Amino acid sequence: MANNSTLSRPYAQALFEHSDDWSSDLEKISLAVGDSSVANLIDSPHLSYQEKVKQFLALFEGEIESKAVSFLKVLGESKRLSLIPDIEKEYKALMASKEGEKTVELLSPFALSAEQQEKVTTSLKKRFGENLIIEAGVDESLIGGFLARSGDDVLDASIKGKLEKLSNQLT
């Protein structure tokens, strides 16, 4: 089965190509989907998808534009409301690309200090370009070092990655 990124990309592309800025409405909607009670509504087996969409839209009455309401209806009919956070992420990536920015997901085994992040960012600019948006996160399984990902381009400078590479060479 396709992953959420694959499923959400066409929706984000459609938003990007066929209308003006959706950032504000998408952010509101995505935040709502992140709430556990709204997520339970979307995942509820006791409601029809029409009822789910109706209740979901009621949350945003008067707060989002009519184009966003129409978009949510399309997502509801396709049973894709749960993809909203992924659609927002894909949409933001398209907007950043349009503006010449590149988003880099930076993972490390612990939260980096401002000084550490600045050093890593300097090296990432050499690899990915000058206009970067860094999204820092923590992945304790990396042991040490960092992992940087921008689209399909990955820079693995982690201890875990080096150990896996060594293990593959030995077998």
N, C-alpha and C. Protein backbone atom coordinates (compact mmCIF):
# COMPACT_ATOMS: atom_id res chain seq x y z
N MET A 1 0.84 -1.19 0.00
CA MET A 1 0.00 0.00 0.00
C MET A 1 0.88 1.24 0.00
N ALA A 2 0.41 2.28 -0.65
CA ALA A 2 1.16 3.52 -0.75
C ALA A 2 1.27 4.21 0.61
N ASN A 3 2.38 4.92 0.81
CA ASN A 3 2.51 5.64 2.08
C ASN A 3 1.79 6.98 2.01
N ASN A 4 1.65 7.63 3.16
CA ASN A 4 0.90 8.89 3.23
C ASN A 4 1.48 9.98 2.36
N SER A 5 2.79 10.02 2.25
CA SER A 5 3.43 11.04 1.43
C SER A 5 3.03 10.88 -0.04
N THR A 6 3.01 9.65 -0.51
CA THR A 6 2.62 9.37 -1.89
C THR A 6 1.16 9.73 -2.14
N LEU A 7 0.31 9.42 -1.15
CA LEU A 7 -1.11 9.73 -1.30
C LEU A 7 -1.40 11.23 -1.20
N SER A 8 -0.65 11.93 -0.37
CA SER A 8 -0.93 13.35 -0.14
C SER A 8 -0.33 14.26 -1.20
N ARG A 9 0.69 13.83 -1.88
CA ARG A 9 1.39 14.68 -2.85
C ARG A 9 0.46 15.22 -3.96
N PRO A 10 -0.41 14.40 -4.58
CA PRO A 10 -1.28 14.96 -5.63
C PRO A 10 -2.25 16.04 -5.11
N TYR A 11 -2.73 15.87 -3.88
CA TYR A 11 -3.62 16.87 -3.30
C TYR A 11 -2.86 18.19 -3.08
N ALA A 12 -1.67 18.08 -2.53
CA ALA A 12 -0.85 19.27 -2.29
C ALA A 12 -0.50 19.96 -3.61
N GLN A 13 -0.18 19.16 -4.62
CA GLN A 13 0.16 19.71 -5.93
C GLN A 13 -1.04 20.44 -6.53
N ALA A 14 -2.22 19.89 -6.38
CA ALA A 14 -3.44 20.53 -6.89
C ALA A 14 -3.68 21.86 -6.18
N LEU A 15 -3.53 21.88 -4.86
CA LEU A 15 -3.68 23.13 -4.12
C LEU A 15 -2.67 24.17 -4.59
N PHE A 16 -1.45 23.73 -4.78
CA PHE A 16 -0.36 24.61 -5.18
C PHE A 16 -0.59 25.21 -6.57
N GLU A 17 -1.07 24.39 -7.50
CA GLU A 17 -1.21 24.82 -8.89
C GLU A 17 -2.48 25.61 -9.17
N HIS A 18 -3.54 25.38 -8.41
CA HIS A 18 -4.83 25.91 -8.80
C HIS A 18 -5.43 26.96 -7.89
N SER A 19 -4.66 27.48 -6.98
CA SER A 19 -5.21 28.51 -6.13
C SER A 19 -4.10 29.27 -5.43
N ASP A 20 -4.47 30.42 -4.86
CA ASP A 20 -3.52 31.22 -4.11
C ASP A 20 -3.23 30.58 -2.76
N ASP A 21 -2.52 31.29 -1.95
CA ASP A 21 -1.99 30.80 -0.69
C ASP A 21 -3.03 30.08 0.18
N TRP A 22 -2.69 28.84 0.54
CA TRP A 22 -3.53 27.99 1.39
C TRP A 22 -2.91 27.82 2.78
N SER A 23 -1.78 28.41 3.02
CA SER A 23 -1.01 28.13 4.24
C SER A 23 -1.82 28.31 5.52
N SER A 24 -2.51 29.42 5.63
CA SER A 24 -3.25 29.72 6.86
C SER A 24 -4.35 28.69 7.12
N ASP A 25 -5.18 28.43 6.12
CA ASP A 25 -6.26 27.46 6.29
C ASP A 25 -5.72 26.06 6.53
N LEU A 26 -4.69 25.66 5.78
CA LEU A 26 -4.12 24.33 5.98
C LEU A 26 -3.54 24.16 7.38
N GLU A 27 -2.92 25.21 7.88
CA GLU A 27 -2.34 25.14 9.22
C GLU A 27 -3.44 24.96 10.28
N LYS A 28 -4.52 25.71 10.16
CA LYS A 28 -5.65 25.58 11.10
C LYS A 28 -6.23 24.16 11.06
N ILE A 29 -6.45 23.68 9.86
CA ILE A 29 -7.06 22.37 9.68
C ILE A 29 -6.13 21.27 10.19
N SER A 30 -4.84 21.39 9.88
CA SER A 30 -3.86 20.39 10.29
C SER A 30 -3.73 20.35 11.82
N LEU A 31 -3.74 21.51 12.44
CA LEU A 31 -3.69 21.55 13.91
C LEU A 31 -4.90 20.85 14.51
N ALA A 32 -6.05 21.05 13.91
CA ALA A 32 -7.26 20.39 14.41
C ALA A 32 -7.17 18.88 14.28
N VAL A 33 -6.64 18.40 13.17
CA VAL A 33 -6.50 16.95 12.96
C VAL A 33 -5.53 16.36 13.97
N GLY A 34 -4.57 17.15 14.42
CA GLY A 34 -3.62 16.69 15.42
C GLY A 34 -4.23 16.51 16.80
N ASP A 35 -5.38 17.12 17.04
CA ASP A 35 -6.07 16.98 18.32
C ASP A 35 -6.66 15.57 18.42
N SER A 36 -6.51 14.94 19.56
CA SER A 36 -6.94 13.54 19.70
C SER A 36 -8.44 13.35 19.50
N SER A 37 -9.26 14.30 19.96
CA SER A 37 -10.70 14.13 19.79
C SER A 37 -11.11 14.23 18.31
N VAL A 38 -10.43 15.09 17.57
CA VAL A 38 -10.72 15.20 16.13
C VAL A 38 -10.21 13.96 15.40
N ALA A 39 -9.04 13.48 15.78
CA ALA A 39 -8.50 12.25 15.18
C ALA A 39 -9.44 11.08 15.45
N ASN A 40 -10.01 11.03 16.65
CA ASN A 40 -10.97 9.97 16.97
C ASN A 40 -12.22 10.10 16.11
N LEU A 41 -12.67 11.33 15.85
CA LEU A 41 -13.82 11.55 14.97
C LEU A 41 -13.53 10.99 13.58
N ILE A 42 -12.37 11.32 13.04
CA ILE A 42 -12.00 10.88 11.69
C ILE A 42 -11.89 9.36 11.61
N ASP A 43 -11.37 8.75 12.66
CA ASP A 43 -11.15 7.30 12.67
C ASP A 43 -12.35 6.50 13.17
N SER A 44 -13.39 7.17 13.60
CA SER A 44 -14.54 6.49 14.20
C SER A 44 -15.22 5.54 13.21
N PRO A 45 -15.38 4.27 13.60
CA PRO A 45 -16.09 3.32 12.75
C PRO A 45 -17.62 3.44 12.88
N HIS A 46 -18.07 4.25 13.84
CA HIS A 46 -19.50 4.36 14.12
C HIS A 46 -20.19 5.45 13.29
N LEU A 47 -19.42 6.25 12.57
CA LEU A 47 -20.00 7.34 11.77
C LEU A 47 -19.73 7.10 10.29
N SER A 48 -20.69 7.50 9.47
CA SER A 48 -20.44 7.45 8.02
C SER A 48 -19.46 8.56 7.68
N TYR A 49 -18.82 8.44 6.55
CA TYR A 49 -17.86 9.47 6.16
C TYR A 49 -18.57 10.80 5.91
N GLN A 50 -19.80 10.76 5.44
CA GLN A 50 -20.57 11.99 5.25
C GLN A 50 -20.78 12.69 6.59
N GLU A 51 -21.09 11.93 7.63
CA GLU A 51 -21.29 12.51 8.95
C GLU A 51 -19.97 13.03 9.52
N LYS A 52 -18.89 12.31 9.28
CA LYS A 52 -17.58 12.77 9.74
C LYS A 52 -17.23 14.12 9.11
N VAL A 53 -17.44 14.22 7.80
CA VAL A 53 -17.13 15.47 7.09
C VAL A 53 -18.00 16.60 7.62
N LYS A 54 -19.27 16.33 7.83
CA LYS A 54 -20.20 17.34 8.33
C LYS A 54 -19.73 17.85 9.70
N GLN A 55 -19.40 16.96 10.61
CA GLN A 55 -18.94 17.36 11.94
C GLN A 55 -17.59 18.06 11.87
N PHE A 56 -16.72 17.58 11.01
CA PHE A 56 -15.39 18.18 10.85
C PHE A 56 -15.51 19.60 10.32
N LEU A 57 -16.36 19.80 9.32
CA LEU A 57 -16.55 21.14 8.75
C LEU A 57 -17.17 22.10 9.76
N ALA A 58 -17.99 21.58 10.64
CA ALA A 58 -18.62 22.43 11.66
C ALA A 58 -17.57 23.06 12.58
N LEU A 59 -16.44 22.41 12.72
CA LEU A 59 -15.36 22.95 13.56
C LEU A 59 -14.79 24.25 13.01
N PHE A 60 -14.90 24.44 11.70
CA PHE A 60 -14.25 25.57 11.03
C PHE A 60 -15.23 26.60 10.48
N GLU A 61 -16.48 26.50 10.85
CA GLU A 61 -17.50 27.39 10.32
C GLU A 61 -17.09 28.85 10.54
N GLY A 62 -16.97 29.59 9.44
CA GLY A 62 -16.61 31.00 9.49
C GLY A 62 -15.13 31.27 9.69
N GLU A 63 -14.32 30.24 9.82
CA GLU A 63 -12.89 30.43 10.08
C GLU A 63 -12.00 30.16 8.87
N ILE A 64 -12.51 29.39 7.91
CA ILE A 64 -11.71 29.09 6.73
C ILE A 64 -12.48 29.52 5.49
N GLU A 65 -11.74 29.71 4.40
CA GLU A 65 -12.34 30.16 3.15
C GLU A 65 -13.18 29.06 2.52
N SER A 66 -14.07 29.46 1.64
CA SER A 66 -14.98 28.50 0.99
C SER A 66 -14.21 27.48 0.14
N LYS A 67 -13.09 27.91 -0.44
CA LYS A 67 -12.29 26.96 -1.23
C LYS A 67 -11.75 25.84 -0.34
N ALA A 68 -11.42 26.17 0.91
CA ALA A 68 -10.93 25.16 1.84
C ALA A 68 -12.05 24.21 2.25
N VAL A 69 -13.26 24.75 2.40
CA VAL A 69 -14.42 23.91 2.72
C VAL A 69 -14.65 22.92 1.58
N SER A 70 -14.59 23.41 0.35
CA SER A 70 -14.76 22.53 -0.82
C SER A 70 -13.68 21.46 -0.86
N PHE A 71 -12.46 21.86 -0.56
CA PHE A 71 -11.36 20.91 -0.55
C PHE A 71 -11.58 19.83 0.50
N LEU A 72 -12.05 20.22 1.68
CA LEU A 72 -12.32 19.24 2.73
C LEU A 72 -13.43 18.28 2.33
N LYS A 73 -14.41 18.78 1.60
CA LYS A 73 -15.48 17.90 1.11
C LYS A 73 -14.92 16.86 0.15
N VAL A 74 -14.02 17.30 -0.72
CA VAL A 74 -13.38 16.36 -1.67
C VAL A 74 -12.58 15.31 -0.90
N LEU A 75 -11.81 15.76 0.09
CA LEU A 75 -11.05 14.81 0.90
C LEU A 75 -11.97 13.85 1.63
N GLY A 76 -13.08 14.36 2.14
CA GLY A 76 -14.04 13.52 2.84
C GLY A 76 -14.65 12.46 1.95
N GLU A 77 -15.02 12.87 0.73
CA GLU A 77 -15.60 11.91 -0.22
C GLU A 77 -14.60 10.83 -0.59
N SER A 78 -13.33 11.18 -0.58
CA SER A 78 -12.27 10.22 -0.91
C SER A 78 -11.76 9.46 0.31
N LYS A 79 -12.35 9.75 1.47
CA LYS A 79 -11.93 9.12 2.73
C LYS A 79 -10.46 9.37 3.02
N ARG A 80 -10.07 10.65 2.85
CA ARG A 80 -8.67 11.04 3.00
C ARG A 80 -8.46 12.16 4.03
N LEU A 81 -9.40 12.40 4.91
CA LEU A 81 -9.24 13.47 5.90
C LEU A 81 -8.00 13.29 6.76
N SER A 82 -7.64 12.07 7.03
CA SER A 82 -6.48 11.81 7.89
C SER A 82 -5.16 12.22 7.23
N LEU A 83 -5.19 12.49 5.92
CA LEU A 83 -3.97 12.90 5.20
C LEU A 83 -3.64 14.38 5.34
N ILE A 84 -4.52 15.14 5.98
CA ILE A 84 -4.35 16.60 6.02
C ILE A 84 -2.97 17.04 6.52
N PRO A 85 -2.44 16.49 7.62
CA PRO A 85 -1.09 16.92 8.04
C PRO A 85 -0.02 16.64 6.97
N ASP A 86 -0.14 15.52 6.28
CA ASP A 86 0.82 15.19 5.22
C ASP A 86 0.65 16.10 4.02
N ILE A 87 -0.59 16.44 3.70
CA ILE A 87 -0.86 17.37 2.60
C ILE A 87 -0.25 18.73 2.92
N GLU A 88 -0.43 19.17 4.17
CA GLU A 88 0.15 20.46 4.58
C GLU A 88 1.67 20.43 4.43
N LYS A 89 2.29 19.34 4.86
CA LYS A 89 3.75 19.22 4.77
C LYS A 89 4.21 19.28 3.30
N GLU A 90 3.53 18.54 2.44
CA GLU A 90 3.87 18.55 1.01
C GLU A 90 3.65 19.94 0.39
N TYR A 91 2.56 20.59 0.78
CA TYR A 91 2.25 21.92 0.27
C TYR A 91 3.33 22.92 0.69
N LYS A 92 3.75 22.85 1.96
CA LYS A 92 4.80 23.75 2.44
C LYS A 92 6.10 23.53 1.67
N ALA A 93 6.40 22.28 1.36
CA ALA A 93 7.61 21.97 0.59
C ALA A 93 7.53 22.58 -0.80
N LEU A 94 6.35 22.51 -1.43
CA LEU A 94 6.18 23.11 -2.75
C LEU A 94 6.32 24.63 -2.69
N MET A 95 5.75 25.26 -1.66
CA MET A 95 5.86 26.71 -1.50
C MET A 95 7.32 27.11 -1.26
N ALA A 96 8.02 26.36 -0.44
CA ALA A 96 9.42 26.66 -0.16
C ALA A 96 10.25 26.53 -1.43
N SER A 97 9.97 25.51 -2.22
CA SER A 97 10.69 25.31 -3.48
C SER A 97 10.44 26.48 -4.43
N LYS A 98 9.21 26.94 -4.47
CA LYS A 98 8.85 28.09 -5.32
C LYS A 98 9.63 29.32 -4.90
N GLU A 99 9.83 29.49 -3.61
CA GLU A 99 10.53 30.65 -3.08
C GLU A 99 12.04 30.44 -3.02
N GLY A 100 12.52 29.32 -3.57
CA GLY A 100 13.95 29.06 -3.61
C GLY A 100 14.50 28.52 -2.30
N GLU A 101 13.62 28.09 -1.42
CA GLU A 101 14.06 27.53 -0.14
C GLU A 101 14.06 26.01 -0.23
N LYS A 102 14.87 25.41 0.59
CA LYS A 102 14.92 23.96 0.66
C LYS A 102 14.77 23.57 2.12
N THR A 103 13.84 22.66 2.40
CA THR A 103 13.63 22.19 3.76
C THR A 103 14.50 20.97 4.01
N VAL A 104 15.21 20.99 5.13
CA VAL A 104 16.07 19.88 5.51
C VAL A 104 15.62 19.40 6.89
N GLU A 105 15.29 18.11 6.96
CA GLU A 105 14.96 17.50 8.24
C GLU A 105 16.28 17.05 8.87
N LEU A 106 16.57 17.58 10.05
CA LEU A 106 17.82 17.30 10.75
C LEU A 106 17.51 16.50 12.01
N LEU A 107 17.96 15.25 12.03
CA LEU A 107 17.72 14.38 13.19
C LEU A 107 19.03 14.11 13.91
N SER A 108 18.98 14.15 15.23
CA SER A 108 20.14 13.83 16.05
C SER A 108 19.65 13.04 17.26
N PRO A 109 20.55 12.35 17.96
CA PRO A 109 20.11 11.52 19.09
C PRO A 109 19.70 12.33 20.32
N PHE A 110 19.93 13.63 20.30
CA PHE A 110 19.55 14.52 21.40
C PHE A 110 19.31 15.91 20.81
N ALA A 111 18.64 16.76 21.55
CA ALA A 111 18.39 18.12 21.08
C ALA A 111 19.72 18.86 20.95
N LEU A 112 19.93 19.50 19.82
CA LEU A 112 21.17 20.23 19.58
C LEU A 112 21.09 21.62 20.19
N SER A 113 22.22 22.08 20.71
CA SER A 113 22.29 23.46 21.20
C SER A 113 22.31 24.38 19.98
N ALA A 114 22.09 25.65 20.20
CA ALA A 114 22.10 26.62 19.10
C ALA A 114 23.45 26.62 18.39
N GLU A 115 24.52 26.52 19.17
CA GLU A 115 25.87 26.51 18.59
C GLU A 115 26.09 25.26 17.72
N GLN A 116 25.67 24.10 18.23
CA GLN A 116 25.82 22.85 17.47
C GLN A 116 25.00 22.91 16.19
N GLN A 117 23.77 23.39 16.30
CA GLN A 117 22.91 23.46 15.11
C GLN A 117 23.50 24.41 14.08
N GLU A 118 24.11 25.50 14.52
CA GLU A 118 24.73 26.46 13.59
C GLU A 118 25.88 25.80 12.85
N LYS A 119 26.71 25.01 13.55
CA LYS A 119 27.83 24.32 12.91
C LYS A 119 27.32 23.32 11.87
N VAL A 120 26.30 22.55 12.25
CA VAL A 120 25.74 21.57 11.31
C VAL A 120 25.10 22.28 10.12
N THR A 121 24.39 23.36 10.38
CA THR A 121 23.73 24.11 9.30
C THR A 121 24.75 24.63 8.30
N THR A 122 25.90 25.07 8.79
CA THR A 122 26.97 25.56 7.90
C THR A 122 27.41 24.46 6.95
N SER A 123 27.58 23.24 7.47
CA SER A 123 27.99 22.13 6.59
C SER A 123 26.86 21.70 5.66
N LEU A 124 25.61 21.79 6.15
CA LEU A 124 24.48 21.41 5.31
C LEU A 124 24.30 22.38 4.14
N LYS A 125 24.63 23.65 4.35
CA LYS A 125 24.52 24.64 3.27
C LYS A 125 25.46 24.30 2.12
N LYS A 126 26.60 23.71 2.43
CA LYS A 126 27.53 23.28 1.38
C LYS A 126 26.93 22.15 0.55
N ARG A 127 26.16 21.29 1.21
CA ARG A 127 25.59 20.12 0.55
C ARG A 127 24.27 20.43 -0.16
N PHE A 128 23.38 21.18 0.52
CA PHE A 128 22.03 21.38 0.02
C PHE A 128 21.76 22.76 -0.57
N GLY A 129 22.67 23.72 -0.38
CA GLY A 129 22.44 25.07 -0.88
C GLY A 129 22.26 26.05 0.26
N GLU A 130 22.28 27.33 -0.06
CA GLU A 130 22.30 28.39 0.95
C GLU A 130 20.96 28.64 1.64
N ASN A 131 19.87 28.59 0.91
CA ASN A 131 18.58 29.00 1.46
C ASN A 131 17.85 27.82 2.07
N LEU A 132 18.22 27.47 3.32
CA LEU A 132 17.68 26.27 3.98
C LEU A 132 16.71 26.61 5.09
N ILE A 133 15.73 25.75 5.24
CA ILE A 133 14.84 25.77 6.40
C ILE A 133 15.14 24.47 7.14
N ILE A 134 15.65 24.58 8.36
CA ILE A 134 16.03 23.41 9.13
C ILE A 134 14.88 23.02 10.06
N GLU A 135 14.45 21.77 9.95
CA GLU A 135 13.45 21.21 10.86
C GLU A 135 14.17 20.18 11.73
N ALA A 136 14.55 20.60 12.93
CA ALA A 136 15.33 19.73 13.82
C ALA A 136 14.42 18.79 14.58
N GLY A 137 14.90 17.58 14.79
CA GLY A 137 14.16 16.58 15.55
C GLY A 137 15.12 15.65 16.27
N VAL A 138 14.57 14.81 17.11
CA VAL A 138 15.39 13.88 17.90
C VAL A 138 15.04 12.44 17.51
N ASP A 139 16.06 11.64 17.28
CA ASP A 139 15.92 10.21 17.03
C ASP A 139 17.03 9.52 17.81
N GLU A 140 16.69 9.03 19.00
CA GLU A 140 17.69 8.46 19.90
C GLU A 140 18.38 7.23 19.33
N SER A 141 17.78 6.58 18.34
CA SER A 141 18.38 5.38 17.77
C SER A 141 19.64 5.69 16.96
N LEU A 142 19.90 6.96 16.66
CA LEU A 142 21.08 7.32 15.86
C LEU A 142 22.39 7.19 16.64
N ILE A 143 22.33 7.11 17.94
CA ILE A 143 23.46 6.94 18.86
C ILE A 143 24.30 8.21 18.95
N GLY A 144 24.77 8.71 17.85
CA GLY A 144 25.58 9.92 17.80
C GLY A 144 25.57 10.47 16.38
N GLY A 145 26.10 11.67 16.17
CA GLY A 145 26.12 12.27 14.85
C GLY A 145 24.76 12.84 14.49
N PHE A 146 24.45 12.85 13.18
CA PHE A 146 23.16 13.37 12.72
C PHE A 146 22.78 12.75 11.39
N LEU A 147 21.52 12.91 11.06
CA LEU A 147 20.98 12.47 9.78
C LEU A 147 20.23 13.66 9.20
N ALA A 148 20.56 14.04 7.97
CA ALA A 148 19.90 15.17 7.31
C ALA A 148 19.22 14.65 6.05
N ARG A 149 17.96 15.05 5.87
CA ARG A 149 17.17 14.55 4.74
C ARG A 149 16.43 15.72 4.09
N SER A 150 16.58 15.83 2.78
CA SER A 150 15.83 16.81 2.01
C SER A 150 15.31 16.09 0.77
N GLY A 151 14.01 15.79 0.80
CA GLY A 151 13.44 15.01 -0.30
C GLY A 151 14.08 13.64 -0.33
N ASP A 152 14.63 13.27 -1.49
CA ASP A 152 15.28 11.96 -1.64
C ASP A 152 16.77 12.01 -1.31
N ASP A 153 17.30 13.21 -1.05
CA ASP A 153 18.72 13.39 -0.75
C ASP A 153 18.95 13.22 0.74
N VAL A 154 19.81 12.28 1.12
CA VAL A 154 20.05 11.97 2.53
C VAL A 154 21.55 12.05 2.81
N LEU A 155 21.88 12.73 3.91
CA LEU A 155 23.26 12.77 4.40
C LEU A 155 23.25 12.08 5.76
N ASP A 156 23.84 10.90 5.82
CA ASP A 156 23.85 10.12 7.06
C ASP A 156 25.23 10.21 7.70
N ALA A 157 25.34 11.05 8.71
CA ALA A 157 26.58 11.20 9.46
C ALA A 157 26.37 10.71 10.89
N SER A 158 25.57 9.65 11.01
CA SER A 158 25.25 9.11 12.34
C SER A 158 26.12 7.89 12.64
N ILE A 159 26.28 7.63 13.92
CA ILE A 159 27.01 6.43 14.36
C ILE A 159 26.27 5.18 13.89
N LYS A 160 24.95 5.19 14.02
CA LYS A 160 24.14 4.06 13.59
C LYS A 160 24.38 3.76 12.11
N GLY A 161 24.37 4.80 11.28
CA GLY A 161 24.60 4.63 9.85
C GLY A 161 25.98 4.06 9.55
N LYS A 162 26.98 4.55 10.26
CA LYS A 162 28.34 4.06 10.06
C LYS A 162 28.48 2.60 10.48
N LEU A 163 27.82 2.24 11.59
CA LEU A 163 27.85 0.85 12.04
C LEU A 163 27.16 -0.08 11.05
N GLU A 164 26.03 0.37 10.50
CA GLU A 164 25.32 -0.44 9.50
C GLU A 164 26.16 -0.61 8.24
N LYS A 165 26.83 0.46 7.84
CA LYS A 165 27.70 0.39 6.65
C LYS A 165 28.85 -0.58 6.89
N LEU A 166 29.45 -0.52 8.07
CA LEU A 166 30.53 -1.44 8.43
C LEU A 166 30.04 -2.87 8.47
N SER A 167 28.86 -3.09 9.04
CA SER A 167 28.28 -4.43 9.11
C SER A 167 28.04 -4.99 7.72
N ASN A 168 27.55 -4.17 6.81
CA ASN A 168 27.30 -4.61 5.43
C ASN A 168 28.61 -4.96 4.72
N GLN A 169 29.68 -4.24 5.02
CA GLN A 169 30.97 -4.52 4.38
C GLN A 169 31.56 -5.82 4.89
N LEU A 170 31.28 -6.15 6.16
CA LEU A 170 31.85 -7.35 6.77
C LEU A 170 31.09 -8.62 6.37
N THR A 171 29.85 -8.48 5.93
CA THR A 171 29.09 -9.68 5.57
C THR A 171 29.02 -9.89 4.09
